[in-house]
Each structure stands twice: as structure tokens, then as C-alpha cells.
Amino acid sequence: MEGIEHRSVKVNGINMHVAEKGQGPVVLFLHGFPQLWYTWRHQIHALASLGYRAVAPDLRGYGDTEAPADPSSYTYFHVVGDLVAPVGRRSRRSGEGVRGRARLGCEASLGTFACFGRTGSRLWST
């Protein structure tokens, strides 16, 4: 799609395809089963126009991302590890750092959306 950059990133022993657009704080979009980054194409454009860097990878074994043959290469640790490198690298480039605001969009298996935000402040007191 127009204006969306595609690149391959070496992470966690595999080459991961990443689609991204925009500048600013990172918004990470994770597709569900059996979809690809393309699921988020409209949201990528919308959030990029609002000043965010929208990042949508093809997860391990999907689309243009490598699919290791060994089933033990698909644990939660592998999948989460795949995501940390590109988001961390992009956050450092934007000057956000670890304590900056991060947003994560992920599609749940029921087709609903869950959004998690980290603002750096407590939401409640103990």
C-alpha cells in the first residue's frame, strides 16, 4: 500500500518482515490467526497521520517472515522475543526510550481489539 515501508529485520535467529509508516511514538500491531500485517493497513495509515510510527510485523511463520521447521521454535518466549528487538530499536531512534509511552494493539481470537497503554504513572495507589 502507498507510503508503507517494508523491511526485513534479523531478530531472534529469523528474518522478520515488518511494515511501518510514520514518525513518533511506536504503535505495534499484531495480527491474529491466520492473518498478516495487511490486516492493519487502514490503521497504519490512520495512526501515521496522527503522528505515530505504526509498526506491523508478519509474526513468526506467517507471510514474509521466516518459519522455522522445529515446533519448539514457536514458544511464547520466541514470539515475544521476536517483537522486542524491532520495537526497542525503533523506540530508541525516536528518543522514547524504555520509560516512554508505548501502545500495543493486538487482535484477540474473537475478533475484538485490546489496547494497552503505558504512561509511566500509576493508575491506582496501594
C-alpha atoms as a PDB file:
ATOM      1  CA  MET A   1       0.000   0.000   0.000  1.00  0.00           C
ATOM      2  CA  GLU A   2       1.070   3.542  -0.667  1.00  0.00           C
ATOM      3  CA  GLY A   3       3.562   5.022   1.766  1.00  0.00           C
ATOM      4  CA  ILE A   4       4.028   1.897   3.876  1.00  0.00           C
ATOM      5  CA  GLU A   5       7.690   0.875   4.135  1.00  0.00           C
ATOM      6  CA  HIS A   6       8.579  -2.817   4.110  1.00  0.00           C
ATOM      7  CA  ARG A   7      11.791  -4.183   5.520  1.00  0.00           C
ATOM      8  CA  SER A   8      13.306  -7.394   6.779  1.00  0.00           C
ATOM      9  CA  VAL A   9      14.798  -7.369  10.275  1.00  0.00           C
ATOM     10  CA  LYS A  10      17.065 -10.079  11.684  1.00  0.00           C
ATOM     11  CA  VAL A  11      15.594 -10.924  15.100  1.00  0.00           C
ATOM     12  CA  ASN A  12      15.893 -13.918  17.367  1.00  0.00           C
ATOM     13  CA  GLY A  13      17.534 -16.040  14.663  1.00  0.00           C
ATOM     14  CA  ILE A  14      14.966 -15.371  11.912  1.00  0.00           C
ATOM     15  CA  ASN A  15      14.286 -12.719   9.270  1.00  0.00           C
ATOM     16  CA  MET A  16      11.075 -10.899  10.167  1.00  0.00           C
ATOM     17  CA  HIS A  17       9.046  -8.867   7.671  1.00  0.00           C
ATOM     18  CA  VAL A  18       7.916  -5.521   9.093  1.00  0.00           C
ATOM     19  CA  ALA A  19       5.548  -2.978   7.532  1.00  0.00           C
ATOM     20  CA  GLU A  20       5.717   0.523   9.008  1.00  0.00           C
ATOM     21  CA  LYS A  21       4.791   4.130   8.428  1.00  0.00           C
ATOM     22  CA  GLY A  22       5.042   7.464  10.212  1.00  0.00           C
ATOM     23  CA  GLN A  23       7.242   9.135  12.830  1.00  0.00           C
ATOM     24  CA  GLY A  24       6.852   9.470  16.576  1.00  0.00           C
ATOM     25  CA  PRO A  25       5.886   7.071  19.368  1.00  0.00           C
ATOM     26  CA  VAL A  26       5.655   3.459  18.242  1.00  0.00           C
ATOM     27  CA  VAL A  27       2.321   1.670  17.890  1.00  0.00           C
ATOM     28  CA  LEU A  28       2.771  -2.074  17.427  1.00  0.00           C
ATOM     29  CA  PHE A  29       0.038  -4.023  15.630  1.00  0.00           C
ATOM     30  CA  LEU A  30      -0.099  -7.808  15.978  1.00  0.00           C
ATOM     31  CA  HIS A  31      -2.230  -9.835  13.615  1.00  0.00           C
ATOM     32  CA  GLY A  32      -4.290 -12.862  14.586  1.00  0.00           C
ATOM     33  CA  PHE A  33      -4.608 -16.310  13.042  1.00  0.00           C
ATOM     34  CA  PRO A  34      -4.464 -16.758  10.046  1.00  0.00           C
ATOM     35  CA  GLN A  35      -3.793 -13.153   9.061  1.00  0.00           C
ATOM     36  CA  LEU A  36      -0.822 -10.955   8.118  1.00  0.00           C
ATOM     37  CA  TRP A  37       0.378  -7.366   8.641  1.00  0.00           C
ATOM     38  CA  TYR A  38      -2.108  -6.419   5.915  1.00  0.00           C
ATOM     39  CA  THR A  39      -4.934  -6.799   8.448  1.00  0.00           C
ATOM     40  CA  TRP A  40      -3.827  -3.463   9.919  1.00  0.00           C
ATOM     41  CA  ARG A  41      -3.300  -1.481   6.677  1.00  0.00           C
ATOM     42  CA  HIS A  42      -6.057   1.074   7.378  1.00  0.00           C
ATOM     43  CA  GLN A  43      -4.993   1.592  10.997  1.00  0.00           C
ATOM     44  CA  ILE A  44      -1.358   2.014   9.897  1.00  0.00           C
ATOM     45  CA  HIS A  45      -2.327   4.934   7.649  1.00  0.00           C
ATOM     46  CA  ALA A  46      -4.648   6.475  10.249  1.00  0.00           C
ATOM     47  CA  LEU A  47      -2.164   6.387  13.128  1.00  0.00           C
ATOM     48  CA  ALA A  48       0.740   7.548  10.983  1.00  0.00           C
ATOM     49  CA  SER A  49      -1.341  10.597  10.038  1.00  0.00           C
ATOM     50  CA  LEU A  50      -1.823  11.303  13.769  1.00  0.00           C
ATOM     51  CA  GLY A  51       1.923  11.428  14.454  1.00  0.00           C
ATOM     52  CA  TYR A  52       2.666   7.832  15.415  1.00  0.00           C
ATOM     53  CA  ARG A  53       5.093   5.289  13.976  1.00  0.00           C
ATOM     54  CA  ALA A  54       2.799   2.359  13.104  1.00  0.00           C
ATOM     55  CA  VAL A  55       4.655  -0.972  13.010  1.00  0.00           C
ATOM     56  CA  ALA A  56       3.001  -4.209  11.835  1.00  0.00           C
ATOM     57  CA  PRO A  57       5.151  -7.330  11.537  1.00  0.00           C
ATOM     58  CA  ASP A  58       4.287 -10.655   9.990  1.00  0.00           C
ATOM     59  CA  LEU A  59       4.629 -12.887  13.041  1.00  0.00           C
ATOM     60  CA  ARG A  60       6.934 -15.922  13.134  1.00  0.00           C
ATOM     61  CA  GLY A  61       5.853 -18.400  10.456  1.00  0.00           C
ATOM     62  CA  TYR A  62       3.438 -16.007   8.697  1.00  0.00           C
ATOM     63  CA  GLY A  63       3.699 -14.112   5.420  1.00  0.00           C
ATOM     64  CA  ASP A  64       7.218 -12.995   4.531  1.00  0.00           C
ATOM     65  CA  THR A  65       8.664 -13.826   7.969  1.00  0.00           C
ATOM     66  CA  GLU A  66      10.721 -16.996   8.214  1.00  0.00           C
ATOM     67  CA  ALA A  67       9.073 -20.159   9.519  1.00  0.00           C
ATOM     68  CA  PRO A  68      11.465 -22.366  11.489  1.00  0.00           C
ATOM     69  CA  ALA A  69      10.840 -26.079  10.917  1.00  0.00           C
ATOM     70  CA  ASP A  70      11.275 -27.040  14.580  1.00  0.00           C
ATOM     71  CA  PRO A  71       7.961 -26.767  16.521  1.00  0.00           C
ATOM     72  CA  SER A  72       9.902 -25.867  19.672  1.00  0.00           C
ATOM     73  CA  SER A  73      10.784 -22.552  17.959  1.00  0.00           C
ATOM     74  CA  TYR A  74       7.233 -21.267  18.479  1.00  0.00           C
ATOM     75  CA  THR A  75       7.076 -20.769  22.244  1.00  0.00           C
ATOM     76  CA  TYR A  76       5.805 -17.551  23.819  1.00  0.00           C
ATOM     77  CA  PHE A  77       9.419 -16.671  24.595  1.00  0.00           C
ATOM     78  CA  HIS A  78      10.333 -16.910  20.912  1.00  0.00           C
ATOM     79  CA  VAL A  79       7.335 -14.913  19.703  1.00  0.00           C
ATOM     80  CA  VAL A  80       7.723 -12.163  22.322  1.00  0.00           C
ATOM     81  CA  GLY A  81      11.479 -12.083  21.713  1.00  0.00           C
ATOM     82  CA  ASP A  82      10.784 -11.513  18.023  1.00  0.00           C
ATOM     83  CA  LEU A  83       8.818  -8.361  18.896  1.00  0.00           C
ATOM     84  CA  VAL A  84      11.151  -6.797  21.430  1.00  0.00           C
ATOM     85  CA  ALA A  85      14.025  -6.122  19.019  1.00  0.00           C
ATOM     86  CA  PRO A  86      12.225  -4.121  16.294  1.00  0.00           C
ATOM     87  CA  VAL A  87      10.117  -2.126  18.766  1.00  0.00           C
ATOM     88  CA  GLY A  88      13.046  -1.422  21.092  1.00  0.00           C
ATOM     89  CA  ARG A  89      15.236  -0.329  18.187  1.00  0.00           C
ATOM     90  CA  ARG A  90      12.506   1.964  16.839  1.00  0.00           C
ATOM     91  CA  SER A  91      11.753   3.454  20.287  1.00  0.00           C
ATOM     92  CA  ARG A  92      15.403   4.350  20.832  1.00  0.00           C
ATOM     93  CA  ARG A  93      15.520   6.065  17.439  1.00  0.00           C
ATOM     94  CA  SER A  94      12.509   8.225  18.311  1.00  0.00           C
ATOM     95  CA  GLY A  95      14.050   9.208  21.664  1.00  0.00           C
ATOM     96  CA  GLU A  96      11.299   7.493  23.632  1.00  0.00           C
ATOM     97  CA  GLY A  97      13.441   5.009  25.497  1.00  0.00           C
ATOM     98  CA  VAL A  98      12.186   2.348  27.835  1.00  0.00           C
ATOM     99  CA  ARG A  99      10.194   4.722  30.041  1.00  0.00           C
ATOM    100  CA  GLY A 100       8.378   6.359  27.160  1.00  0.00           C
ATOM    101  CA  ARG A 101       4.793   5.748  26.279  1.00  0.00           C
ATOM    102  CA  ALA A 102       4.131   2.543  24.387  1.00  0.00           C
ATOM    103  CA  ARG A 103       0.945   1.307  22.849  1.00  0.00           C
ATOM    104  CA  LEU A 104       0.198  -2.174  21.739  1.00  0.00           C
ATOM    105  CA  GLY A 105      -2.680  -3.156  19.521  1.00  0.00           C
ATOM    106  CA  CYS A 106      -3.419  -6.806  19.216  1.00  0.00           C
ATOM    107  CA  GLU A 107      -6.313  -8.660  17.766  1.00  0.00           C
ATOM    108  CA  ALA A 108      -7.852 -11.213  20.089  1.00  0.00           C
ATOM    109  CA  SER A 109      -9.053 -14.538  18.764  1.00  0.00           C
ATOM    110  CA  LEU A 110     -12.684 -13.384  18.970  1.00  0.00           C
ATOM    111  CA  GLY A 111     -12.043 -10.538  16.538  1.00  0.00           C
ATOM    112  CA  THR A 112     -12.142  -7.786  19.149  1.00  0.00           C
ATOM    113  CA  PHE A 113      -9.349  -5.329  19.805  1.00  0.00           C
ATOM    114  CA  ALA A 114      -7.394  -4.924  23.003  1.00  0.00           C
ATOM    115  CA  CYS A 115      -5.292  -1.822  23.562  1.00  0.00           C
ATOM    116  CA  PHE A 116      -2.763  -1.494  26.326  1.00  0.00           C
ATOM    117  CA  GLY A 117      -1.115   1.791  27.220  1.00  0.00           C
ATOM    118  CA  ARG A 118       1.845   2.559  29.439  1.00  0.00           C
ATOM    119  CA  THR A 119       2.029   6.156  30.538  1.00  0.00           C
ATOM    120  CA  GLY A 120       4.781   5.863  33.129  1.00  0.00           C
ATOM    121  CA  SER A 121       2.455   6.741  36.015  1.00  0.00           C
ATOM    122  CA  ARG A 122       0.445   4.528  38.326  1.00  0.00           C
ATOM    123  CA  LEU A 123      -3.213   4.022  37.544  1.00  0.00           C
ATOM    124  CA  TRP A 124      -4.072   3.388  41.194  1.00  0.00           C
ATOM    125  CA  SER A 125      -2.429   3.771  44.586  1.00  0.00           C
ATOM    126  CA  THR A 126      -1.819   0.996  47.081  1.00  0.00           C
END
